Amino acid sequence: MSDQVGKSGRALVIYLVAMLVIMAGSLWLAVADAQTVGRSLVLNWQAPTSCAGGSPITNCPILGYSIQKNINGTWTEVGTTVASVRTFTHSNQPLGTHTYRVVATSDAGPSAPSNEASRTIDVPGTPSGIVITVTVTVTP
């Protein structure tokens, strides 16, 4: 975590980086949150290595992925990717806890969802340790 305050009234810039990794069978899901001026959540995952029944993945080719977010207790699709893209950025998210999961899609239907991954976007804590320095110049 890094706080920088520039001179001449430049804005306070806060960088928060965190990684949460969850294993979900053969579908790996990681949520990374990088917060600067805008608040974005970046999801990354690995493709399943086999079909749900254990047969080779070539027997159930993946067409893409459905990215779902839990909104007020309901899983809602917030984006999709093609099979070769295993990352998704959800930009401009409000403060609070955000929970996601990913579902692989194929001609035969959707996979079971990955485990849920959650991340909280919060404001920084209260600054402390403020010091005021007074300089007095005496001219003869």
Protein backbone atom coordinates (compact mmCIF):
# COMPACT_ATOMS: atom_id res chain seq x y z
CA MET A 1 0.00 0.00 0.00
CA SER A 2 1.39 3.37 -0.94
CA ASP A 3 0.13 6.88 -0.13
CA GLN A 4 1.55 9.86 -1.96
CA VAL A 5 0.71 13.49 -1.34
CA GLY A 6 2.07 15.88 -3.94
CA LYS A 7 3.07 19.52 -3.42
CA SER A 8 0.92 22.50 -4.40
CA GLY A 9 -2.40 20.89 -3.57
CA ARG A 10 -2.10 17.82 -5.80
CA ALA A 11 -4.65 15.14 -4.98
CA LEU A 12 -4.01 12.26 -2.63
CA VAL A 13 -3.46 9.06 -4.62
CA ILE A 14 -3.99 5.72 -2.98
CA TYR A 15 -2.99 2.40 -4.44
CA LEU A 16 -4.48 -0.76 -3.01
CA VAL A 17 -3.58 -4.14 -4.40
CA ALA A 18 -4.83 -7.45 -3.11
CA MET A 19 -5.18 -10.95 -4.50
CA LEU A 20 -7.66 -13.61 -3.50
CA VAL A 21 -7.23 -17.04 -5.04
CA ILE A 22 -9.81 -19.80 -4.81
CA MET A 23 -9.48 -23.31 -6.22
CA ALA A 24 -12.69 -24.71 -7.66
CA GLY A 25 -12.26 -28.20 -9.10
CA SER A 26 -10.57 -27.76 -12.44
CA LEU A 27 -11.75 -24.13 -12.84
CA TRP A 28 -9.37 -21.74 -11.09
CA LEU A 29 -10.63 -18.28 -10.24
CA ALA A 30 -8.64 -15.38 -8.89
CA VAL A 31 -9.93 -11.93 -8.11
CA ALA A 32 -7.44 -9.08 -8.04
CA ASP A 33 -8.41 -5.58 -7.05
CA ALA A 34 -6.30 -2.63 -8.15
CA GLN A 35 -7.80 0.61 -6.96
CA THR A 36 -6.58 3.98 -8.17
CA VAL A 37 -8.90 6.84 -9.12
CA GLY A 38 -11.52 4.46 -10.57
CA ARG A 39 -12.49 1.29 -8.76
CA SER A 40 -12.10 -1.87 -10.85
CA LEU A 41 -12.12 -5.57 -10.07
CA VAL A 42 -10.05 -7.80 -12.35
CA LEU A 43 -10.92 -11.51 -12.52
CA ASN A 44 -8.50 -14.10 -13.93
CA TRP A 45 -9.08 -17.84 -14.22
CA GLN A 46 -7.74 -20.98 -15.88
CA ALA A 47 -9.71 -23.12 -18.27
CA PRO A 48 -11.05 -26.47 -17.10
CA THR A 49 -8.67 -29.33 -18.01
CA SER A 50 -11.40 -31.95 -18.44
CA CYS A 51 -15.14 -32.34 -18.94
CA ALA A 52 -17.38 -32.59 -15.87
CA GLY A 53 -17.52 -36.39 -16.23
CA GLY A 54 -13.72 -36.68 -16.43
CA SER A 55 -13.39 -37.17 -20.20
CA PRO A 56 -10.80 -35.10 -22.12
CA ILE A 57 -11.64 -31.43 -22.65
CA THR A 58 -11.66 -32.08 -26.42
CA ASN A 59 -14.97 -33.92 -25.88
CA CYS A 60 -16.62 -30.72 -24.58
CA PRO A 61 -14.93 -27.71 -26.24
CA ILE A 62 -15.40 -24.44 -24.37
CA LEU A 63 -17.06 -21.65 -26.36
CA GLY A 64 -16.57 -18.95 -23.75
CA TYR A 65 -17.17 -17.87 -20.19
CA SER A 66 -20.01 -16.17 -18.33
CA ILE A 67 -18.90 -13.84 -15.54
CA GLN A 68 -21.57 -13.59 -12.86
CA LYS A 69 -21.89 -11.23 -9.90
CA ASN A 70 -24.06 -11.75 -6.85
CA ILE A 71 -26.33 -8.70 -6.76
CA ASN A 72 -28.73 -8.65 -3.80
CA GLY A 73 -28.71 -12.46 -3.58
CA THR A 74 -29.22 -13.09 -7.31
CA TRP A 75 -26.47 -14.27 -9.67
CA THR A 76 -26.44 -11.85 -12.60
CA GLU A 77 -24.29 -12.11 -15.72
CA VAL A 78 -22.13 -8.98 -15.91
CA GLY A 79 -19.99 -10.02 -18.86
CA THR A 80 -18.83 -12.75 -21.20
CA THR A 81 -15.57 -13.67 -22.88
CA VAL A 82 -14.60 -15.99 -25.71
CA ALA A 83 -12.80 -19.25 -24.83
CA SER A 84 -9.32 -17.80 -25.40
CA VAL A 85 -9.87 -14.87 -23.00
CA ARG A 86 -9.68 -15.76 -19.31
CA THR A 87 -9.70 -12.32 -17.73
CA PHE A 88 -12.45 -9.79 -17.14
CA THR A 89 -12.37 -6.25 -15.72
CA HIS A 90 -15.46 -4.91 -13.99
CA SER A 91 -14.91 -1.15 -13.85
CA ASN A 92 -16.34 1.68 -11.76
CA GLN A 93 -17.66 -0.49 -8.95
CA PRO A 94 -19.13 1.17 -5.85
CA LEU A 95 -17.77 0.77 -2.34
CA GLY A 96 -18.77 -2.51 -0.72
CA THR A 97 -18.22 -6.24 -1.08
CA HIS A 98 -18.39 -7.73 -4.56
CA THR A 99 -18.78 -11.48 -5.11
CA TYR A 100 -18.18 -13.21 -8.46
CA ARG A 101 -18.11 -16.62 -10.07
CA VAL A 102 -17.34 -17.89 -13.58
CA VAL A 103 -19.18 -20.48 -15.69
CA ALA A 104 -17.68 -22.13 -18.78
CA THR A 105 -20.06 -22.44 -21.74
CA SER A 106 -20.14 -25.11 -24.46
CA ASP A 107 -22.54 -26.50 -27.08
CA ALA A 108 -23.62 -29.08 -24.50
CA GLY A 109 -24.50 -26.40 -21.94
CA PRO A 110 -22.87 -24.53 -19.05
CA SER A 111 -20.41 -25.94 -16.55
CA ALA A 112 -21.05 -25.88 -12.85
CA PRO A 113 -20.03 -22.47 -11.49
CA SER A 114 -16.60 -21.91 -10.00
CA ASN A 115 -16.36 -21.21 -6.29
CA GLU A 116 -17.25 -17.68 -5.32
CA ALA A 117 -14.54 -15.05 -4.98
CA SER A 118 -15.21 -11.86 -3.01
CA ARG A 119 -13.39 -8.57 -2.66
CA THR A 120 -14.28 -5.48 -0.64
CA ILE A 121 -13.62 -1.99 -1.97
CA ASP A 122 -13.33 0.40 0.94
CA VAL A 123 -12.12 3.88 1.71
CA PRO A 124 -8.76 4.37 3.45
CA GLY A 125 -8.54 4.72 7.21
CA THR A 126 -8.16 8.01 9.04
CA PRO A 127 -4.82 9.80 8.58
CA SER A 128 -2.82 10.35 11.74
CA GLY A 129 0.47 11.77 12.96
CA ILE A 130 -0.09 15.24 11.52
CA VAL A 131 2.75 17.60 12.40
CA ILE A 132 2.80 21.37 11.94
CA THR A 133 6.17 23.04 11.64
CA VAL A 134 6.47 26.80 12.19
CA THR A 135 9.49 28.60 10.81
CA VAL A 136 10.27 32.08 12.08
CA THR A 137 12.72 34.23 10.17
CA VAL A 138 14.29 37.15 12.01
CA THR A 139 15.75 39.95 9.91
CA PRO A 140 18.31 42.26 11.48
